[in-house]
């Protein structure tokens, strides 16, 4: 298990939670992951449902530490990253 200081918490909401079969996980921050975009790409390497649910063509919103984030937003050890589909309403 990785040192606690190198961990990030990843949350999945709505359709993603259903598609991936989990609402959250803690993972060791890989050395090559430094942005939201690189985290998304890293998670997609798991293949299967991960590849489909997080595919670049899929509309997803991301928050880092409960603030809306862009693909270039930095990801650091200790962060909480949430992936969720865009909210639609009427």
N, C-alpha and C. Protein backbone atom coordinates (compact mmCIF):
# COMPACT_ATOMS: atom_id res chain seq x y z
N UNK A 1 0.85 -1.19 0.00
CA UNK A 1 0.00 0.00 0.00
C UNK A 1 0.88 1.24 0.00
N UNK A 2 0.48 2.22 -0.72
CA UNK A 2 1.27 3.45 -0.83
C UNK A 2 1.20 4.25 0.46
N UNK A 3 2.17 5.06 0.65
CA UNK A 3 2.21 5.98 1.78
C UNK A 3 0.98 6.88 1.72
N UNK A 4 0.39 7.15 2.85
CA UNK A 4 -0.85 7.95 2.92
C UNK A 4 -0.69 9.29 2.20
N UNK A 5 0.48 9.90 2.23
CA UNK A 5 0.69 11.20 1.60
C UNK A 5 0.66 11.15 0.08
N UNK A 6 0.74 9.98 -0.50
CA UNK A 6 0.73 9.89 -1.96
C UNK A 6 -0.64 9.49 -2.50
N UNK A 7 -1.63 9.41 -1.63
CA UNK A 7 -2.96 8.94 -2.04
C UNK A 7 -3.85 10.10 -2.51
N UNK A 8 -4.76 9.76 -3.41
CA UNK A 8 -5.83 10.68 -3.79
C UNK A 8 -7.14 9.92 -3.63
N UNK A 9 -8.22 10.65 -3.43
CA UNK A 9 -9.54 10.04 -3.36
C UNK A 9 -10.29 10.42 -4.62
N UNK A 10 -10.86 9.41 -5.29
CA UNK A 10 -11.60 9.65 -6.51
C UNK A 10 -13.05 9.25 -6.27
N UNK A 11 -13.96 10.17 -6.58
CA UNK A 11 -15.39 9.95 -6.41
C UNK A 11 -16.07 9.85 -7.77
N UNK A 12 -17.07 8.99 -7.85
CA UNK A 12 -17.82 8.80 -9.09
C UNK A 12 -19.31 8.99 -8.78
N UNK A 13 -19.99 9.81 -9.57
CA UNK A 13 -21.38 10.12 -9.31
C UNK A 13 -22.28 9.71 -10.47
N UNK A 14 -23.57 9.52 -10.15
CA UNK A 14 -24.64 9.27 -11.11
C UNK A 14 -24.30 8.09 -12.03
N UNK A 15 -24.38 8.30 -13.33
CA UNK A 15 -24.16 7.24 -14.32
C UNK A 15 -22.79 6.59 -14.14
N UNK A 16 -21.78 7.37 -13.80
CA UNK A 16 -20.43 6.80 -13.64
C UNK A 16 -20.40 5.80 -12.50
N UNK A 17 -21.06 6.12 -11.40
CA UNK A 17 -21.09 5.20 -10.26
C UNK A 17 -21.72 3.88 -10.69
N UNK A 18 -22.79 3.96 -11.47
CA UNK A 18 -23.46 2.75 -11.95
C UNK A 18 -22.58 1.99 -12.93
N UNK A 19 -22.00 2.70 -13.90
CA UNK A 19 -21.17 2.05 -14.92
C UNK A 19 -19.93 1.37 -14.33
N UNK A 20 -19.33 2.01 -13.33
CA UNK A 20 -18.07 1.52 -12.78
C UNK A 20 -18.25 0.62 -11.56
N UNK A 21 -19.47 0.59 -11.03
CA UNK A 21 -19.75 -0.29 -9.90
C UNK A 21 -19.14 0.15 -8.59
N UNK A 22 -18.83 1.43 -8.47
CA UNK A 22 -18.29 1.95 -7.21
C UNK A 22 -18.56 3.44 -7.13
N UNK A 23 -18.63 3.95 -5.92
CA UNK A 23 -18.87 5.38 -5.73
C UNK A 23 -17.58 6.14 -5.42
N UNK A 24 -16.56 5.42 -4.95
CA UNK A 24 -15.29 6.09 -4.64
C UNK A 24 -14.19 5.06 -4.49
N UNK A 25 -12.97 5.57 -4.50
CA UNK A 25 -11.80 4.73 -4.24
C UNK A 25 -10.64 5.63 -3.87
N UNK A 26 -9.69 5.07 -3.16
CA UNK A 26 -8.43 5.77 -2.90
C UNK A 26 -7.37 5.06 -3.71
N UNK A 27 -6.59 5.84 -4.44
CA UNK A 27 -5.52 5.25 -5.23
C UNK A 27 -4.22 6.02 -4.99
N UNK A 28 -3.13 5.32 -5.18
CA UNK A 28 -1.82 5.97 -5.11
C UNK A 28 -1.68 6.85 -6.34
N UNK A 29 -1.26 8.07 -6.15
CA UNK A 29 -1.10 9.00 -7.27
C UNK A 29 0.09 8.54 -8.11
N UNK A 30 -0.16 8.09 -9.35
CA UNK A 30 0.94 7.65 -10.20
C UNK A 30 1.88 8.82 -10.53
N UNK A 31 3.15 8.53 -10.70
CA UNK A 31 4.13 9.57 -10.95
C UNK A 31 3.89 10.36 -12.23
N UNK A 32 3.22 9.73 -13.21
CA UNK A 32 2.99 10.42 -14.47
C UNK A 32 1.65 11.16 -14.51
N UNK A 33 0.94 11.20 -13.40
CA UNK A 33 -0.35 11.90 -13.33
C UNK A 33 -0.17 13.21 -12.58
N UNK A 34 -0.40 14.32 -13.30
CA UNK A 34 -0.24 15.63 -12.66
C UNK A 34 -1.41 16.56 -12.93
N UNK A 35 -2.34 16.13 -13.80
CA UNK A 35 -3.49 16.97 -14.15
C UNK A 35 -4.76 16.10 -14.17
N UNK A 36 -5.90 16.78 -14.21
CA UNK A 36 -7.18 16.08 -14.35
C UNK A 36 -7.17 15.21 -15.61
N UNK A 37 -6.69 15.76 -16.72
CA UNK A 37 -6.66 15.01 -17.99
C UNK A 37 -5.79 13.76 -17.88
N UNK A 38 -4.64 13.86 -17.24
CA UNK A 38 -3.77 12.68 -17.14
C UNK A 38 -4.34 11.65 -16.17
N UNK A 39 -5.09 12.10 -15.15
CA UNK A 39 -5.76 11.15 -14.26
C UNK A 39 -6.84 10.39 -15.02
N UNK A 40 -7.62 11.11 -15.80
CA UNK A 40 -8.67 10.48 -16.60
C UNK A 40 -8.06 9.45 -17.54
N UNK A 41 -6.98 9.81 -18.22
CA UNK A 41 -6.29 8.89 -19.13
C UNK A 41 -5.77 7.67 -18.37
N UNK A 42 -5.21 7.89 -17.19
CA UNK A 42 -4.70 6.79 -16.37
C UNK A 42 -5.82 5.82 -16.01
N UNK A 43 -6.95 6.34 -15.57
CA UNK A 43 -8.08 5.48 -15.19
C UNK A 43 -8.61 4.70 -16.40
N UNK A 44 -8.56 5.32 -17.58
CA UNK A 44 -9.03 4.64 -18.80
C UNK A 44 -8.17 3.43 -19.15
N UNK A 45 -6.91 3.41 -18.71
CA UNK A 45 -6.04 2.27 -19.03
C UNK A 45 -6.50 0.99 -18.35
N UNK A 46 -7.45 1.10 -17.42
CA UNK A 46 -8.01 -0.10 -16.78
C UNK A 46 -8.84 -0.91 -17.77
N UNK A 47 -9.25 -0.27 -18.88
CA UNK A 47 -10.00 -0.97 -19.92
C UNK A 47 -11.46 -1.19 -19.55
N UNK A 48 -12.16 -1.93 -20.38
CA UNK A 48 -13.55 -2.28 -20.14
C UNK A 48 -14.44 -1.09 -19.86
N UNK A 49 -15.22 -1.18 -18.79
CA UNK A 49 -16.15 -0.11 -18.43
C UNK A 49 -15.42 1.22 -18.20
N UNK A 50 -14.19 1.16 -17.71
CA UNK A 50 -13.41 2.39 -17.46
C UNK A 50 -13.13 3.10 -18.77
N UNK A 51 -12.71 2.35 -19.76
CA UNK A 51 -12.41 2.92 -21.07
C UNK A 51 -13.65 3.58 -21.66
N UNK A 52 -14.79 2.92 -21.53
CA UNK A 52 -16.04 3.43 -22.09
C UNK A 52 -16.56 4.64 -21.31
N UNK A 53 -16.65 4.51 -19.99
CA UNK A 53 -17.27 5.56 -19.16
C UNK A 53 -16.47 6.86 -19.16
N UNK A 54 -15.13 6.75 -19.28
CA UNK A 54 -14.28 7.94 -19.19
C UNK A 54 -13.74 8.37 -20.56
N UNK A 55 -14.20 7.75 -21.63
CA UNK A 55 -13.70 8.06 -22.97
C UNK A 55 -13.73 9.56 -23.25
N UNK A 56 -12.75 10.02 -24.00
CA UNK A 56 -12.60 11.45 -24.25
C UNK A 56 -13.82 12.09 -24.91
N UNK A 57 -14.59 11.33 -25.67
CA UNK A 57 -15.78 11.88 -26.30
C UNK A 57 -16.96 12.05 -25.36
N UNK A 58 -16.88 11.44 -24.18
CA UNK A 58 -17.98 11.50 -23.22
C UNK A 58 -17.94 12.82 -22.47
N UNK A 59 -19.10 13.43 -22.34
CA UNK A 59 -19.18 14.69 -21.58
C UNK A 59 -19.09 14.37 -20.09
N UNK A 60 -18.07 14.91 -19.45
CA UNK A 60 -17.88 14.72 -18.01
C UNK A 60 -17.47 16.03 -17.38
N UNK A 61 -17.92 16.23 -16.18
CA UNK A 61 -17.46 17.36 -15.37
C UNK A 61 -16.52 16.79 -14.32
N UNK A 62 -15.60 17.62 -13.86
CA UNK A 62 -14.65 17.19 -12.84
C UNK A 62 -14.50 18.30 -11.82
N UNK A 63 -14.42 17.90 -10.57
CA UNK A 63 -14.13 18.85 -9.49
C UNK A 63 -12.91 18.34 -8.74
N UNK A 64 -12.03 19.27 -8.37
CA UNK A 64 -10.88 18.96 -7.54
C UNK A 64 -11.08 19.71 -6.23
N UNK A 65 -11.12 18.95 -5.15
CA UNK A 65 -11.37 19.53 -3.82
C UNK A 65 -12.62 20.41 -3.82
N UNK A 66 -13.67 19.90 -4.46
CA UNK A 66 -15.00 20.50 -4.51
C UNK A 66 -15.06 21.81 -5.28
N UNK A 67 -14.09 22.04 -6.16
CA UNK A 67 -14.13 23.20 -7.05
C UNK A 67 -14.06 22.70 -8.48
N UNK A 68 -14.90 23.27 -9.34
CA UNK A 68 -14.92 22.84 -10.73
C UNK A 68 -13.52 22.94 -11.34
N UNK A 69 -13.19 21.95 -12.15
CA UNK A 69 -11.84 21.85 -12.69
C UNK A 69 -11.88 21.70 -14.21
N UNK A 70 -10.78 22.06 -14.83
CA UNK A 70 -10.55 21.91 -16.27
C UNK A 70 -9.56 20.77 -16.47
N UNK A 71 -9.41 20.27 -17.70
CA UNK A 71 -8.44 19.20 -17.94
C UNK A 71 -7.03 19.52 -17.46
N UNK A 72 -6.62 20.79 -17.53
CA UNK A 72 -5.26 21.17 -17.13
C UNK A 72 -5.12 21.44 -15.63
N UNK A 73 -6.20 21.34 -14.86
CA UNK A 73 -6.13 21.58 -13.42
C UNK A 73 -5.18 20.58 -12.78
N UNK A 74 -4.24 21.05 -11.95
CA UNK A 74 -3.29 20.14 -11.29
C UNK A 74 -3.99 19.17 -10.34
N UNK A 75 -3.42 17.97 -10.24
CA UNK A 75 -3.84 16.96 -9.27
C UNK A 75 -2.63 16.66 -8.41
N UNK A 76 -2.84 16.75 -7.10
CA UNK A 76 -1.73 16.53 -6.16
C UNK A 76 -2.13 15.50 -5.12
N UNK A 77 -1.13 14.89 -4.50
CA UNK A 77 -1.39 13.95 -3.42
C UNK A 77 -2.29 14.60 -2.38
N UNK A 78 -3.25 13.84 -1.87
CA UNK A 78 -4.18 14.35 -0.87
C UNK A 78 -5.44 14.96 -1.44
N UNK A 79 -5.48 15.17 -2.76
CA UNK A 79 -6.66 15.79 -3.39
C UNK A 79 -7.84 14.82 -3.43
N UNK A 80 -9.03 15.41 -3.53
CA UNK A 80 -10.25 14.66 -3.78
C UNK A 80 -10.74 15.07 -5.16
N UNK A 81 -10.86 14.10 -6.07
CA UNK A 81 -11.27 14.37 -7.44
C UNK A 81 -12.61 13.69 -7.69
N UNK A 82 -13.59 14.45 -8.15
CA UNK A 82 -14.92 13.91 -8.41
C UNK A 82 -15.22 13.99 -9.91
N UNK A 83 -15.66 12.88 -10.47
CA UNK A 83 -16.11 12.81 -11.85
C UNK A 83 -17.62 12.66 -11.87
N UNK A 84 -18.30 13.44 -12.71
CA UNK A 84 -19.75 13.32 -12.79
C UNK A 84 -20.23 13.82 -14.15
N UNK A 85 -21.38 13.30 -14.60
CA UNK A 85 -21.93 13.78 -15.87
C UNK A 85 -22.47 15.19 -15.72
N UNK A 86 -22.55 15.94 -16.82
CA UNK A 86 -23.13 17.28 -16.75
C UNK A 86 -24.55 17.19 -16.22
N UNK A 87 -24.95 18.16 -15.45
CA UNK A 87 -26.30 18.18 -14.90
C UNK A 87 -27.23 18.85 -15.91
N UNK A 88 -28.31 18.17 -16.19
CA UNK A 88 -29.33 18.76 -17.05
C UNK A 88 -30.59 18.92 -16.22
N UNK A 89 -31.34 19.91 -16.53
CA UNK A 89 -32.55 20.13 -15.75
C UNK A 89 -33.51 21.01 -16.50
N UNK A 90 -34.62 21.22 -15.89
CA UNK A 90 -35.60 22.05 -16.55
C UNK A 90 -36.50 22.72 -15.56
